[in-house]
Protein backbone atom coordinates (compact mmCIF):
# COMPACT_ATOMS: atom_id res chain seq x y z
CA MET A 1 0.05 0.01 -0.02
CA VAL A 2 1.15 3.57 -0.85
CA LEU A 3 0.84 6.28 1.70
CA VAL A 4 -0.05 9.56 -0.01
CA GLU A 5 -0.11 12.71 2.20
CA VAL A 6 -1.37 16.01 1.16
CA PHE A 7 -0.26 18.91 3.41
CA GLY A 8 -2.30 22.08 3.30
CA THR A 9 -4.12 24.60 5.40
CA GLY A 10 -7.52 24.27 3.59
CA CYS A 11 -6.91 26.86 0.79
CA ALA A 12 -8.37 26.42 -2.71
CA LYS A 13 -5.00 25.14 -4.02
CA CYS A 14 -4.87 22.58 -1.26
CA GLY A 15 -8.45 21.38 -2.15
CA ARG A 16 -7.42 21.05 -5.86
CA MET A 17 -4.35 18.98 -4.88
CA ILE A 18 -6.31 16.49 -2.81
CA LYS A 19 -9.00 16.15 -5.59
CA ASN A 20 -6.25 15.55 -8.12
CA VAL A 21 -4.69 12.97 -5.94
CA GLU A 22 -7.95 11.09 -5.37
CA ILE A 23 -8.70 11.00 -9.14
CA ALA A 24 -5.16 9.81 -9.87
CA VAL A 25 -5.38 7.00 -7.28
CA GLU A 26 -8.73 5.98 -8.69
CA ASP A 27 -7.64 6.16 -12.30
CA LEU A 28 -4.67 3.97 -11.51
CA GLY A 29 -6.50 1.51 -9.29
CA ILE A 30 -3.62 1.38 -6.90
CA ASP A 31 -3.81 0.43 -3.19
CA ALA A 32 -3.23 3.70 -1.63
CA GLU A 33 -4.08 5.48 1.68
CA VAL A 34 -4.67 9.15 1.04
CA ARG A 35 -4.21 11.49 4.04
CA LYS A 36 -5.13 15.10 4.16
CA ILE A 37 -2.98 16.90 6.86
CA GLU A 38 -4.06 20.38 7.98
CA SER A 39 -2.28 20.55 11.29
CA LEU A 40 0.41 23.26 11.38
CA ASP A 41 2.21 21.37 14.10
CA GLU A 42 2.59 18.35 12.01
CA MET A 43 3.71 20.47 9.00
CA ILE A 44 6.35 22.11 11.15
CA GLU A 45 7.42 18.79 12.53
CA ARG A 46 7.77 17.42 9.05
CA GLY A 47 9.54 20.31 7.64
CA VAL A 48 6.80 21.44 5.31
CA MET A 49 7.45 25.12 4.56
CA LEU A 50 5.19 25.66 1.55
CA THR A 51 1.73 24.40 0.81
CA PRO A 52 0.22 22.57 -0.79
CA ALA A 53 2.74 19.75 -0.53
CA LEU A 54 2.57 16.09 -1.69
CA TYR A 55 4.48 13.31 0.00
CA VAL A 56 4.54 9.64 -1.13
CA ASP A 57 5.61 7.18 1.38
CA GLY A 58 7.10 9.90 3.44
CA GLU A 59 9.15 11.53 0.76
CA ALA A 60 8.42 15.02 -0.56
CA LYS A 61 7.46 14.94 -4.23
CA VAL A 62 5.71 18.31 -4.86
CA VAL A 63 5.86 21.52 -2.79
CA GLY A 64 4.29 24.78 -3.37
CA HIS A 65 2.14 24.04 -6.39
CA VAL A 66 -0.66 21.84 -7.65
CA PRO A 67 0.34 19.20 -10.23
CA CYS A 68 -2.14 18.02 -12.82
CA VAL A 69 -3.63 14.49 -12.55
CA GLU A 70 -1.30 13.05 -15.14
CA ASP A 71 1.83 14.34 -13.29
CA ILE A 72 0.52 12.78 -9.99
CA LYS A 73 -0.06 9.53 -11.75
CA GLN A 74 3.55 9.56 -12.97
CA ILE A 75 4.76 10.24 -9.37
CA LEU A 76 2.60 7.52 -8.00
CA LEU A 77 4.04 5.01 -10.71
CA GLY A 78 7.58 6.08 -9.75
CA GLU A 79 8.28 7.75 -13.16
CA LYS A 80 8.77 11.16 -11.68
């Protein structure tokens, strides 16, 4: 199972990121747990300085912008 974490404070960009992640996971049919993290304390603890941020299995993949669904698919498949 893949752990996908979306860090954000609830802004519009963060909302788009979570939707794009959910679409990518569904389209790929992969076994993934998607977590939305809005806690500033957890963001600070994990070193997240810009949002939205996308982490896959604990590794930062995207920080500060919203990738399109196709880019997220490539990230989840390990192609990016």
